[in-house]
C-alpha cells in the first residue's frame, strides 16, 4: 500500500513538472511567433537596405518556432506516456 502512495505522489510531481515545461514551451513559441509577425510588419514598410537584416531575423525566428514546436511535441509525448 505504501509503495502505491509513493508512486502516485511521484507521478503527480512528474505530471506537474511536464505541465510546467509545456506551459513554458508554449510561451516561448508564442514569443517567437509574435516577434516574427512584428518583423514581417516592419518588413513591409522598410527600405531595401534594412530588408536583408529583417529577413535574416525572420529566418532565425522561423528556426526558433520549429524548435519550440518539436519541444512541445516531445513534452506532449512524455505526458501521454506518463498517463498510460
N, C-alpha and C. Protein backbone atom coordinates (compact mmCIF):
# COMPACT_ATOMS: atom_id res chain seq x y z
N UNK A 1 0.83 -1.19 0.00
CA UNK A 1 0.00 0.00 0.00
C UNK A 1 0.87 1.25 0.00
N UNK A 2 1.92 1.26 0.81
CA UNK A 2 2.81 2.41 0.91
C UNK A 2 3.47 2.70 -0.43
N UNK A 3 3.85 1.66 -1.18
CA UNK A 3 4.51 1.83 -2.47
C UNK A 3 3.59 2.52 -3.48
N UNK A 4 2.31 2.20 -3.42
CA UNK A 4 1.34 2.80 -4.33
C UNK A 4 1.21 4.30 -4.04
N UNK A 5 1.18 4.67 -2.78
CA UNK A 5 1.07 6.07 -2.39
C UNK A 5 2.29 6.85 -2.87
N UNK A 6 3.47 6.29 -2.68
CA UNK A 6 4.71 6.93 -3.11
C UNK A 6 4.72 7.05 -4.64
N UNK A 7 4.31 5.99 -5.31
CA UNK A 7 4.27 6.01 -6.77
C UNK A 7 3.32 7.09 -7.28
N UNK A 8 2.13 7.17 -6.70
CA UNK A 8 1.16 8.19 -7.09
C UNK A 8 1.69 9.59 -6.82
N UNK A 9 2.34 9.77 -5.70
CA UNK A 9 2.93 11.06 -5.35
C UNK A 9 3.97 11.47 -6.40
N UNK A 10 4.86 10.54 -6.73
CA UNK A 10 5.90 10.83 -7.72
C UNK A 10 5.31 11.09 -9.10
N UNK A 11 4.30 10.32 -9.45
CA UNK A 11 3.64 10.51 -10.74
C UNK A 11 3.02 11.91 -10.83
N UNK A 12 2.38 12.34 -9.75
CA UNK A 12 1.79 13.68 -9.72
C UNK A 12 2.86 14.76 -9.85
N UNK A 13 3.98 14.57 -9.16
CA UNK A 13 5.08 15.54 -9.24
C UNK A 13 5.63 15.63 -10.67
N UNK A 14 5.82 14.48 -11.28
CA UNK A 14 6.33 14.43 -12.65
C UNK A 14 5.33 15.07 -13.60
N UNK A 15 4.04 14.79 -13.40
CA UNK A 15 2.99 15.37 -14.24
C UNK A 15 3.02 16.90 -14.14
N UNK A 16 3.15 17.43 -12.93
CA UNK A 16 3.21 18.88 -12.75
C UNK A 16 4.46 19.46 -13.41
N UNK A 17 5.56 18.74 -13.32
CA UNK A 17 6.81 19.18 -13.95
C UNK A 17 6.63 19.31 -15.47
N UNK A 18 6.04 18.27 -16.09
CA UNK A 18 5.81 18.31 -17.53
C UNK A 18 4.81 19.39 -17.91
N UNK A 19 3.80 19.60 -17.10
CA UNK A 19 2.83 20.66 -17.37
C UNK A 19 3.51 22.02 -17.34
N UNK A 20 4.41 22.22 -16.40
CA UNK A 20 5.16 23.48 -16.33
C UNK A 20 6.07 23.64 -17.55
N UNK A 21 6.75 22.56 -17.92
CA UNK A 21 7.60 22.60 -19.11
C UNK A 21 6.78 22.93 -20.35
N UNK A 22 5.59 22.35 -20.45
CA UNK A 22 4.72 22.60 -21.59
C UNK A 22 4.28 24.06 -21.62
N UNK A 23 3.89 24.57 -20.48
CA UNK A 23 3.46 25.97 -20.39
C UNK A 23 4.60 26.90 -20.80
N UNK A 24 5.80 26.65 -20.30
CA UNK A 24 6.97 27.46 -20.65
C UNK A 24 7.27 27.38 -22.15
N UNK A 25 7.19 26.18 -22.71
CA UNK A 25 7.46 25.99 -24.14
C UNK A 25 6.43 26.71 -24.99
N UNK A 26 5.17 26.66 -24.58
CA UNK A 26 4.11 27.36 -25.32
C UNK A 26 4.32 28.88 -25.27
N UNK A 27 4.79 29.37 -24.14
CA UNK A 27 5.09 30.81 -24.03
C UNK A 27 6.25 31.20 -24.94
N UNK A 28 7.27 30.37 -24.99
CA UNK A 28 8.42 30.64 -25.87
C UNK A 28 7.98 30.63 -27.33
N UNK A 29 7.16 29.65 -27.69
CA UNK A 29 6.65 29.56 -29.05
C UNK A 29 5.87 30.83 -29.41
N UNK A 30 5.00 31.25 -28.51
CA UNK A 30 4.20 32.46 -28.75
C UNK A 30 5.10 33.69 -28.89
N UNK A 31 6.13 33.78 -28.07
CA UNK A 31 7.08 34.89 -28.14
C UNK A 31 7.71 34.99 -29.53
N UNK A 32 8.18 33.86 -30.05
CA UNK A 32 8.85 33.85 -31.35
C UNK A 32 7.85 34.09 -32.49
N UNK A 33 6.64 33.58 -32.35
CA UNK A 33 5.62 33.83 -33.36
C UNK A 33 5.25 35.32 -33.40
N UNK A 34 5.12 35.92 -32.22
CA UNK A 34 4.82 37.35 -32.15
C UNK A 34 5.96 38.19 -32.73
N UNK A 35 7.18 37.80 -32.40
CA UNK A 35 8.35 38.52 -32.91
C UNK A 35 8.40 38.44 -34.43
N UNK A 36 8.14 37.25 -34.98
CA UNK A 36 8.14 37.07 -36.43
C UNK A 36 7.07 37.95 -37.08
N UNK A 37 5.88 37.94 -36.51
CA UNK A 37 4.79 38.75 -37.05
C UNK A 37 5.17 40.24 -37.04
N UNK A 38 5.77 40.68 -35.95
CA UNK A 38 6.21 42.07 -35.83
C UNK A 38 7.25 42.40 -36.92
N UNK A 39 8.20 41.51 -37.11
CA UNK A 39 9.24 41.73 -38.12
C UNK A 39 8.64 41.76 -39.52
N UNK A 40 7.67 40.90 -39.77
CA UNK A 40 7.01 40.90 -41.08
C UNK A 40 6.29 42.22 -41.33
N UNK A 41 5.70 42.78 -40.30
CA UNK A 41 5.03 44.08 -40.41
C UNK A 41 6.05 45.17 -40.72
N UNK A 42 7.18 45.14 -40.03
CA UNK A 42 8.23 46.12 -40.27
C UNK A 42 8.79 45.97 -41.68
N UNK A 43 8.92 44.73 -42.13
CA UNK A 43 9.49 44.45 -43.45
C UNK A 43 8.68 45.13 -44.55
N UNK A 44 7.38 45.20 -44.38
CA UNK A 44 6.50 45.79 -45.40
C UNK A 44 6.73 47.30 -45.56
N UNK A 45 7.26 47.93 -44.53
CA UNK A 45 7.37 49.39 -44.56
C UNK A 45 8.81 49.89 -44.52
N UNK A 46 9.75 49.03 -44.82
CA UNK A 46 11.16 49.43 -44.70
C UNK A 46 11.82 49.52 -46.07
N UNK A 47 12.98 50.18 -46.10
CA UNK A 47 13.71 50.32 -47.36
C UNK A 47 14.52 49.05 -47.66
N UNK A 48 15.08 49.00 -48.84
CA UNK A 48 15.76 47.79 -49.32
C UNK A 48 16.98 47.40 -48.49
N UNK A 49 17.75 48.36 -48.00
CA UNK A 49 18.96 48.04 -47.24
C UNK A 49 18.63 47.33 -45.94
N UNK A 50 17.61 47.74 -45.28
CA UNK A 50 17.22 47.14 -44.00
C UNK A 50 16.51 45.81 -44.18
N UNK A 51 15.95 45.58 -45.35
CA UNK A 51 15.17 44.36 -45.58
C UNK A 51 15.99 43.08 -45.37
N UNK A 52 17.23 43.12 -45.78
CA UNK A 52 18.08 41.92 -45.67
C UNK A 52 18.23 41.51 -44.21
N UNK A 53 18.51 42.46 -43.34
CA UNK A 53 18.67 42.15 -41.91
C UNK A 53 17.35 41.64 -41.31
N UNK A 54 16.27 42.26 -41.69
CA UNK A 54 14.97 41.84 -41.16
C UNK A 54 14.62 40.44 -41.67
N UNK A 55 14.88 40.19 -42.93
CA UNK A 55 14.61 38.85 -43.50
C UNK A 55 15.45 37.78 -42.80
N UNK A 56 16.70 38.10 -42.50
CA UNK A 56 17.56 37.16 -41.77
C UNK A 56 16.99 36.89 -40.38
N UNK A 57 16.50 37.93 -39.74
CA UNK A 57 15.92 37.77 -38.41
C UNK A 57 14.64 36.93 -38.47
N UNK A 58 13.86 37.10 -39.52
CA UNK A 58 12.64 36.29 -39.69
C UNK A 58 13.02 34.82 -39.85
N UNK A 59 14.08 34.55 -40.60
CA UNK A 59 14.55 33.17 -40.77
C UNK A 59 14.93 32.58 -39.40
N UNK A 60 15.63 33.37 -38.59
CA UNK A 60 16.01 32.91 -37.24
C UNK A 60 14.77 32.61 -36.41
N UNK A 61 13.78 33.49 -36.48
CA UNK A 61 12.55 33.28 -35.70
C UNK A 61 11.84 32.01 -36.17
N UNK A 62 11.84 31.76 -37.48
CA UNK A 62 11.25 30.52 -38.00
C UNK A 62 11.97 29.29 -37.44
N UNK A 63 13.28 29.38 -37.33
CA UNK A 63 14.05 28.26 -36.76
C UNK A 63 13.67 28.04 -35.30
N UNK A 64 13.56 29.13 -34.54
CA UNK A 64 13.15 29.00 -33.14
C UNK A 64 11.74 28.44 -33.03
N UNK A 65 10.85 28.88 -33.91
CA UNK A 65 9.47 28.39 -33.90
C UNK A 65 9.46 26.87 -34.11
N UNK A 66 10.23 26.40 -35.08
CA UNK A 66 10.28 24.96 -35.35
C UNK A 66 10.86 24.19 -34.16
N UNK A 67 11.89 24.74 -33.55
CA UNK A 67 12.49 24.10 -32.38
C UNK A 67 11.47 23.97 -31.26
N UNK A 68 10.73 25.05 -30.97
CA UNK A 68 9.76 25.02 -29.88
C UNK A 68 8.57 24.12 -30.20
N UNK A 69 8.19 24.04 -31.47
CA UNK A 69 7.11 23.11 -31.86
C UNK A 69 7.55 21.67 -31.59
N UNK A 70 8.80 21.35 -31.92
CA UNK A 70 9.32 20.00 -31.67
C UNK A 70 9.40 19.74 -30.17
N UNK A 71 9.84 20.72 -29.40
CA UNK A 71 9.91 20.57 -27.94
C UNK A 71 8.53 20.31 -27.36
N UNK A 72 7.53 21.06 -27.83
CA UNK A 72 6.16 20.88 -27.35
C UNK A 72 5.66 19.48 -27.69
N UNK A 73 5.97 19.03 -28.89
CA UNK A 73 5.57 17.68 -29.31
C UNK A 73 6.20 16.62 -28.40
N UNK A 74 7.47 16.78 -28.08
CA UNK A 74 8.16 15.82 -27.21
C UNK A 74 7.58 15.83 -25.80
N UNK A 75 7.29 17.02 -25.29
CA UNK A 75 6.70 17.12 -23.95
C UNK A 75 5.34 16.44 -23.93
N UNK A 76 4.54 16.69 -24.96
CA UNK A 76 3.21 16.04 -25.03
C UNK A 76 3.34 14.52 -25.08
N UNK A 77 4.34 14.03 -25.80
CA UNK A 77 4.58 12.58 -25.84
C UNK A 77 4.94 12.05 -24.45
N UNK A 78 5.77 12.78 -23.73
CA UNK A 78 6.15 12.37 -22.37
C UNK A 78 4.94 12.36 -21.44
N UNK A 79 4.09 13.35 -21.58
CA UNK A 79 2.87 13.41 -20.76
C UNK A 79 1.97 12.22 -21.06
N UNK A 80 1.81 11.87 -22.34
CA UNK A 80 0.97 10.73 -22.73
C UNK A 80 1.53 9.42 -22.15
N UNK A 81 2.86 9.26 -22.21
CA UNK A 81 3.48 8.07 -21.65
C UNK A 81 3.23 7.96 -20.16
N UNK A 82 3.30 9.09 -19.51
CA UNK A 82 3.10 9.12 -18.06
C UNK A 82 1.66 8.74 -17.69
N UNK A 83 0.73 9.17 -18.52
CA UNK A 83 -0.70 8.93 -18.24
C UNK A 83 -1.13 7.51 -18.59
N UNK A 84 -0.34 6.82 -19.38
CA UNK A 84 -0.75 5.46 -19.77
C UNK A 84 -0.21 4.39 -18.85
